[in-house]
Amino acid sequence: MNKPGIKQVEVQIMSQSYMLACPLDGEEALREAVAKVDAAMCRIRDAGKVKARDRIAVLAALNIAFELYQKDGGFRTSSFGNTEAGESEAAAMDLDQEAQLQALLHRLDTALAPDGRLF
């Protein structure tokens, strides 16, 4: 049974159908997101190095998250004032987050080496 203000939308990702719930005014945004996920997953599948659908999904999610990270200049988990100390602390946090992301990507590349590199 549908909730008020929510509708069911059928989408295709890698030729598989999914029924997703979305707000009445959110179908266009949902379809754009689905298209991005589908394209990312098909690109990985078509490269031929990864076969398992769940691994393809994880790699696609990581690629999309990394693109967002680069586009936004890094994920923002907290805000700082405009003071010099706040700016220094924010810059240090950005460097720390960048180092953590690089370390995570390295660990993932190592773990998934038989399937190919992430990037």
C-alpha atoms as a PDB file:
ATOM      1  CA  MET A   1       0.000   0.000   0.000  1.00  0.00           C
ATOM      2  CA  ASN A   2       1.368   3.408  -0.984  1.00  0.00           C
ATOM      3  CA  LYS A   3       1.947   6.145   1.545  1.00  0.00           C
ATOM      4  CA  PRO A   4       0.476   9.584   0.791  1.00  0.00           C
ATOM      5  CA  GLY A   5       2.844  11.680  -1.309  1.00  0.00           C
ATOM      6  CA  ILE A   6       4.876   8.624  -2.355  1.00  0.00           C
ATOM      7  CA  LYS A   7       4.628   6.691  -5.598  1.00  0.00           C
ATOM      8  CA  GLN A   8       6.233   3.555  -6.975  1.00  0.00           C
ATOM      9  CA  VAL A   9       8.506   3.919  -9.992  1.00  0.00           C
ATOM     10  CA  GLU A  10       9.878   1.017 -12.007  1.00  0.00           C
ATOM     11  CA  VAL A  11      13.456   1.490 -13.193  1.00  0.00           C
ATOM     12  CA  GLN A  12      16.084  -0.639 -14.934  1.00  0.00           C
ATOM     13  CA  ILE A  13      19.671  -0.995 -13.740  1.00  0.00           C
ATOM     14  CA  MET A  14      21.888  -3.312 -15.781  1.00  0.00           C
ATOM     15  CA  SER A  15      18.764  -4.736 -17.446  1.00  0.00           C
ATOM     16  CA  GLN A  16      17.201  -5.685 -14.116  1.00  0.00           C
ATOM     17  CA  SER A  17      13.939  -4.114 -12.977  1.00  0.00           C
ATOM     18  CA  TYR A  18      13.559  -2.453  -9.592  1.00  0.00           C
ATOM     19  CA  MET A  19      10.478  -0.889  -8.007  1.00  0.00           C
ATOM     20  CA  LEU A  20      11.508   2.194  -6.070  1.00  0.00           C
ATOM     21  CA  ALA A  21       9.505   4.559  -3.908  1.00  0.00           C
ATOM     22  CA  CYS A  22       9.901   8.277  -4.464  1.00  0.00           C
ATOM     23  CA  PRO A  23       8.083  11.505  -3.604  1.00  0.00           C
ATOM     24  CA  LEU A  24       5.454  12.567  -6.126  1.00  0.00           C
ATOM     25  CA  ASP A  25       7.657  15.431  -7.310  1.00  0.00           C
ATOM     26  CA  GLY A  26      10.904  13.437  -7.264  1.00  0.00           C
ATOM     27  CA  GLU A  27      10.580  11.090 -10.219  1.00  0.00           C
ATOM     28  CA  GLU A  28      12.801  13.113 -12.572  1.00  0.00           C
ATOM     29  CA  ALA A  29      15.611  13.339 -10.000  1.00  0.00           C
ATOM     30  CA  LEU A  30      15.262   9.632  -9.212  1.00  0.00           C
ATOM     31  CA  ARG A  31      15.477   8.712 -12.891  1.00  0.00           C
ATOM     32  CA  GLU A  32      18.599  10.874 -13.300  1.00  0.00           C
ATOM     33  CA  ALA A  33      20.205   9.141 -10.315  1.00  0.00           C
ATOM     34  CA  VAL A  34      19.250   5.724 -11.708  1.00  0.00           C
ATOM     35  CA  ALA A  35      20.760   6.668 -15.089  1.00  0.00           C
ATOM     36  CA  LYS A  36      24.029   7.660 -13.383  1.00  0.00           C
ATOM     37  CA  VAL A  37      24.163   4.413 -11.381  1.00  0.00           C
ATOM     38  CA  ASP A  38      23.239   2.323 -14.436  1.00  0.00           C
ATOM     39  CA  ALA A  39      25.920   3.985 -16.571  1.00  0.00           C
ATOM     40  CA  ALA A  40      28.574   3.526 -13.861  1.00  0.00           C
ATOM     41  CA  MET A  41      27.685  -0.130 -13.348  1.00  0.00           C
ATOM     42  CA  CYS A  42      27.543  -0.901 -17.081  1.00  0.00           C
ATOM     43  CA  ARG A  43      30.922   0.777 -17.608  1.00  0.00           C
ATOM     44  CA  ILE A  44      32.478  -1.485 -14.950  1.00  0.00           C
ATOM     45  CA  ARG A  45      30.714  -4.591 -16.282  1.00  0.00           C
ATOM     46  CA  ASP A  46      31.716  -3.811 -19.864  1.00  0.00           C
ATOM     47  CA  ALA A  47      35.370  -3.438 -18.867  1.00  0.00           C
ATOM     48  CA  GLY A  48      35.139  -7.192 -18.310  1.00  0.00           C
ATOM     49  CA  LYS A  49      37.246  -7.438 -15.163  1.00  0.00           C
ATOM     50  CA  VAL A  50      34.425  -7.694 -12.619  1.00  0.00           C
ATOM     51  CA  LYS A  51      31.564 -10.165 -13.034  1.00  0.00           C
ATOM     52  CA  ALA A  52      29.717 -10.250  -9.706  1.00  0.00           C
ATOM     53  CA  ARG A  53      26.797  -7.812  -9.614  1.00  0.00           C
ATOM     54  CA  ASP A  54      27.392  -6.927  -5.942  1.00  0.00           C
ATOM     55  CA  ARG A  55      31.044  -6.028  -6.587  1.00  0.00           C
ATOM     56  CA  ILE A  56      30.040  -3.970  -9.606  1.00  0.00           C
ATOM     57  CA  ALA A  57      27.539  -2.108  -7.423  1.00  0.00           C
ATOM     58  CA  VAL A  58      30.139  -1.409  -4.718  1.00  0.00           C
ATOM     59  CA  LEU A  59      32.689  -0.174  -7.247  1.00  0.00           C
ATOM     60  CA  ALA A  60      30.095   2.026  -8.938  1.00  0.00           C
ATOM     61  CA  ALA A  61      29.032   3.492  -5.582  1.00  0.00           C
ATOM     62  CA  LEU A  62      32.645   4.227  -4.677  1.00  0.00           C
ATOM     63  CA  ASN A  63      33.308   5.830  -8.053  1.00  0.00           C
ATOM     64  CA  ILE A  64      30.223   8.039  -7.737  1.00  0.00           C
ATOM     65  CA  ALA A  65      31.124   8.984  -4.143  1.00  0.00           C
ATOM     66  CA  PHE A  66      34.671   9.842  -5.214  1.00  0.00           C
ATOM     67  CA  GLU A  67      33.351  12.002  -8.083  1.00  0.00           C
ATOM     68  CA  LEU A  68      31.161  13.861  -5.578  1.00  0.00           C
ATOM     69  CA  TYR A  69      34.118  14.221  -3.229  1.00  0.00           C
ATOM     70  CA  GLN A  70      36.216  15.784  -5.968  1.00  0.00           C
ATOM     71  CA  LYS A  71      33.378  17.989  -7.226  1.00  0.00           C
ATOM     72  CA  ASP A  72      32.509  19.316  -3.775  1.00  0.00           C
ATOM     73  CA  GLY A  73      36.122  19.761  -2.727  1.00  0.00           C
ATOM     74  CA  GLY A  74      35.740  17.085  -0.053  1.00  0.00           C
ATOM     75  CA  PHE A  75      32.948  15.942   2.190  1.00  0.00           C
ATOM     76  CA  ARG A  76      31.977  18.455   4.842  1.00  0.00           C
ATOM     77  CA  THR A  77      31.189  16.850   8.181  1.00  0.00           C
ATOM     78  CA  SER A  78      31.453  19.962  10.335  1.00  0.00           C
ATOM     79  CA  SER A  79      31.586  23.699   9.927  1.00  0.00           C
ATOM     80  CA  PHE A  80      34.077  26.218  11.235  1.00  0.00           C
ATOM     81  CA  GLY A  81      33.932  29.956  11.799  1.00  0.00           C
ATOM     82  CA  ASN A  82      35.821  32.411   9.636  1.00  0.00           C
ATOM     83  CA  THR A  83      38.594  32.866  12.182  1.00  0.00           C
ATOM     84  CA  GLU A  84      42.168  32.034  11.282  1.00  0.00           C
ATOM     85  CA  ALA A  85      42.166  29.180  13.790  1.00  0.00           C
ATOM     86  CA  GLY A  86      38.935  27.823  12.300  1.00  0.00           C
ATOM     87  CA  GLU A  87      40.345  28.007   8.764  1.00  0.00           C
ATOM     88  CA  SER A  88      43.534  26.225   9.843  1.00  0.00           C
ATOM     89  CA  GLU A  89      41.530  23.540  11.586  1.00  0.00           C
ATOM     90  CA  ALA A  90      39.309  23.126   8.511  1.00  0.00           C
ATOM     91  CA  ALA A  91      42.360  22.839   6.231  1.00  0.00           C
ATOM     92  CA  ALA A  92      43.906  20.234   8.540  1.00  0.00           C
ATOM     93  CA  MET A  93      40.637  18.275   8.553  1.00  0.00           C
ATOM     94  CA  ASP A  94      40.484  18.389   4.727  1.00  0.00           C
ATOM     95  CA  LEU A  95      44.035  16.990   4.538  1.00  0.00           C
ATOM     96  CA  ASP A  96      43.153  14.294   7.075  1.00  0.00           C
ATOM     97  CA  GLN A  97      40.020  13.334   5.144  1.00  0.00           C
ATOM     98  CA  GLU A  98      42.007  13.241   1.900  1.00  0.00           C
ATOM     99  CA  ALA A  99      44.609  10.972   3.520  1.00  0.00           C
ATOM    100  CA  GLN A 100      41.874   8.704   4.889  1.00  0.00           C
ATOM    101  CA  LEU A 101      40.201   8.505   1.489  1.00  0.00           C
ATOM    102  CA  GLN A 102      43.488   7.671  -0.228  1.00  0.00           C
ATOM    103  CA  ALA A 103      44.223   4.996   2.382  1.00  0.00           C
ATOM    104  CA  LEU A 104      40.737   3.510   1.903  1.00  0.00           C
ATOM    105  CA  LEU A 105      41.114   3.478  -1.878  1.00  0.00           C
ATOM    106  CA  HIS A 106      44.489   1.781  -1.553  1.00  0.00           C
ATOM    107  CA  ARG A 107      43.025  -0.894   0.751  1.00  0.00           C
ATOM    108  CA  LEU A 108      40.111  -1.459  -1.641  1.00  0.00           C
ATOM    109  CA  ASP A 109      42.450  -1.716  -4.630  1.00  0.00           C
ATOM    110  CA  THR A 110      44.528  -4.278  -2.748  1.00  0.00           C
ATOM    111  CA  ALA A 111      41.486  -6.302  -1.678  1.00  0.00           C
ATOM    112  CA  LEU A 112      39.922  -6.205  -5.132  1.00  0.00           C
ATOM    113  CA  ALA A 113      43.175  -6.657  -7.082  1.00  0.00           C
ATOM    114  CA  PRO A 114      41.974  -9.837  -8.814  1.00  0.00           C
ATOM    115  CA  ASP A 115      39.000  -7.863 -10.192  1.00  0.00           C
ATOM    116  CA  GLY A 116      40.981  -4.838 -11.347  1.00  0.00           C
ATOM    117  CA  ARG A 117      41.707  -1.381 -10.039  1.00  0.00           C
ATOM    118  CA  LEU A 118      39.008   1.059  -8.940  1.00  0.00           C
ATOM    119  CA  PHE A 119      40.276   4.018 -10.958  1.00  0.00           C
END
